[in-house]
Amino acid sequence: MSKSCADCAFFEDHKTNSETVAAADDAGLCRFNPPVSQPEASSHGLWPVVKTDDWCGHFEEE
């Protein structure tokens, strides 16, 4: 097994945080850390977008 985002328990197969933004076919959301907040209080936080072959030190098997 490779230790990449696609094989991680925290990887979500959504392509982007918004339906109005296009993303690469091999993209998904990292759900390990909380969403990154935005500069305006009325804005929603965004999950980091990662590629399926990315990796980090938080990998956990599904």
C-alpha atoms as a PDB file:
ATOM      1  CA  MET A   1       0.000   0.000   0.000  1.00  0.00           C
ATOM      2  CA  SER A   2       1.241   3.474  -0.807  1.00  0.00           C
ATOM      3  CA  LYS A   3       1.015   6.124   1.873  1.00  0.00           C
ATOM      4  CA  SER A   4      -0.694   8.754  -0.270  1.00  0.00           C
ATOM      5  CA  CYS A   5      -3.721  10.972   0.313  1.00  0.00           C
ATOM      6  CA  ALA A   6      -5.985   8.699  -1.773  1.00  0.00           C
ATOM      7  CA  ASP A   7      -5.343   5.847   0.697  1.00  0.00           C
ATOM      8  CA  CYS A   8      -5.696   7.936   3.863  1.00  0.00           C
ATOM      9  CA  ALA A   9      -8.616   7.789   6.314  1.00  0.00           C
ATOM     10  CA  PHE A  10      -8.786  11.608   6.295  1.00  0.00           C
ATOM     11  CA  PHE A  11      -9.077  11.996   2.487  1.00  0.00           C
ATOM     12  CA  GLU A  12     -12.514  12.960   1.170  1.00  0.00           C
ATOM     13  CA  ASP A  13     -13.238  12.417  -2.492  1.00  0.00           C
ATOM     14  CA  HIS A  14     -14.914  15.801  -3.029  1.00  0.00           C
ATOM     15  CA  LYS A  15     -13.152  17.733  -5.757  1.00  0.00           C
ATOM     16  CA  THR A  16     -13.434  21.225  -4.217  1.00  0.00           C
ATOM     17  CA  ASN A  17     -14.925  23.202  -1.362  1.00  0.00           C
ATOM     18  CA  SER A  18     -17.363  24.856  -3.784  1.00  0.00           C
ATOM     19  CA  GLU A  19     -19.434  23.726  -6.761  1.00  0.00           C
ATOM     20  CA  THR A  20     -18.439  26.882  -8.656  1.00  0.00           C
ATOM     21  CA  VAL A  21     -14.697  26.140  -8.674  1.00  0.00           C
ATOM     22  CA  ALA A  22     -13.151  23.633 -11.073  1.00  0.00           C
ATOM     23  CA  ALA A  23     -10.478  21.259  -9.743  1.00  0.00           C
ATOM     24  CA  ALA A  24      -8.231  18.550 -11.107  1.00  0.00           C
ATOM     25  CA  ASP A  25      -9.741  15.082 -11.500  1.00  0.00           C
ATOM     26  CA  ASP A  26      -7.235  13.705  -8.990  1.00  0.00           C
ATOM     27  CA  ALA A  27      -8.113  16.227  -6.248  1.00  0.00           C
ATOM     28  CA  GLY A  28      -9.842  15.773  -2.910  1.00  0.00           C
ATOM     29  CA  LEU A  29     -10.180  17.365   0.514  1.00  0.00           C
ATOM     30  CA  CYS A  30      -7.926  16.699   3.510  1.00  0.00           C
ATOM     31  CA  ARG A  31     -10.049  16.342   6.653  1.00  0.00           C
ATOM     32  CA  PHE A  32      -7.202  15.864   9.162  1.00  0.00           C
ATOM     33  CA  ASN A  33      -7.084  19.470  10.369  1.00  0.00           C
ATOM     34  CA  PRO A  34     -10.002  21.889  10.761  1.00  0.00           C
ATOM     35  CA  PRO A  35     -10.906  24.120   7.825  1.00  0.00           C
ATOM     36  CA  VAL A  36      -8.765  27.190   7.235  1.00  0.00           C
ATOM     37  CA  SER A  37     -10.673  30.313   8.252  1.00  0.00           C
ATOM     38  CA  GLN A  38     -11.250  33.180   5.887  1.00  0.00           C
ATOM     39  CA  PRO A  39     -10.430  36.880   6.417  1.00  0.00           C
ATOM     40  CA  GLU A  40     -14.084  37.909   6.739  1.00  0.00           C
ATOM     41  CA  ALA A  41     -16.222  36.651   9.617  1.00  0.00           C
ATOM     42  CA  SER A  42     -19.127  35.912   7.265  1.00  0.00           C
ATOM     43  CA  SER A  43     -17.004  33.631   5.037  1.00  0.00           C
ATOM     44  CA  HIS A  44     -16.948  29.865   5.467  1.00  0.00           C
ATOM     45  CA  GLY A  45     -13.768  27.983   6.270  1.00  0.00           C
ATOM     46  CA  LEU A  46     -12.162  25.901   3.515  1.00  0.00           C
ATOM     47  CA  TRP A  47     -10.678  22.402   3.732  1.00  0.00           C
ATOM     48  CA  PRO A  48      -7.227  21.994   2.149  1.00  0.00           C
ATOM     49  CA  VAL A  49      -7.447  20.636  -1.412  1.00  0.00           C
ATOM     50  CA  VAL A  50      -4.890  17.880  -2.068  1.00  0.00           C
ATOM     51  CA  LYS A  51      -4.047  15.588  -4.957  1.00  0.00           C
ATOM     52  CA  THR A  52      -4.545  11.847  -4.605  1.00  0.00           C
ATOM     53  CA  ASP A  53      -0.785  11.224  -4.848  1.00  0.00           C
ATOM     54  CA  ASP A  54       0.137  13.871  -2.235  1.00  0.00           C
ATOM     55  CA  TRP A  55       1.205  12.743   1.237  1.00  0.00           C
ATOM     56  CA  CYS A  56       1.952  14.100   4.706  1.00  0.00           C
ATOM     57  CA  GLY A  57       3.014  12.883   8.148  1.00  0.00           C
ATOM     58  CA  HIS A  58      -0.571  12.348   9.357  1.00  0.00           C
ATOM     59  CA  PHE A  59      -1.321   9.328   7.133  1.00  0.00           C
ATOM     60  CA  GLU A  60      -3.643   6.704   8.630  1.00  0.00           C
ATOM     61  CA  GLU A  61      -4.889   3.694   6.682  1.00  0.00           C
ATOM     62  CA  GLU A  62      -8.598   3.663   5.846  1.00  0.00           C
END
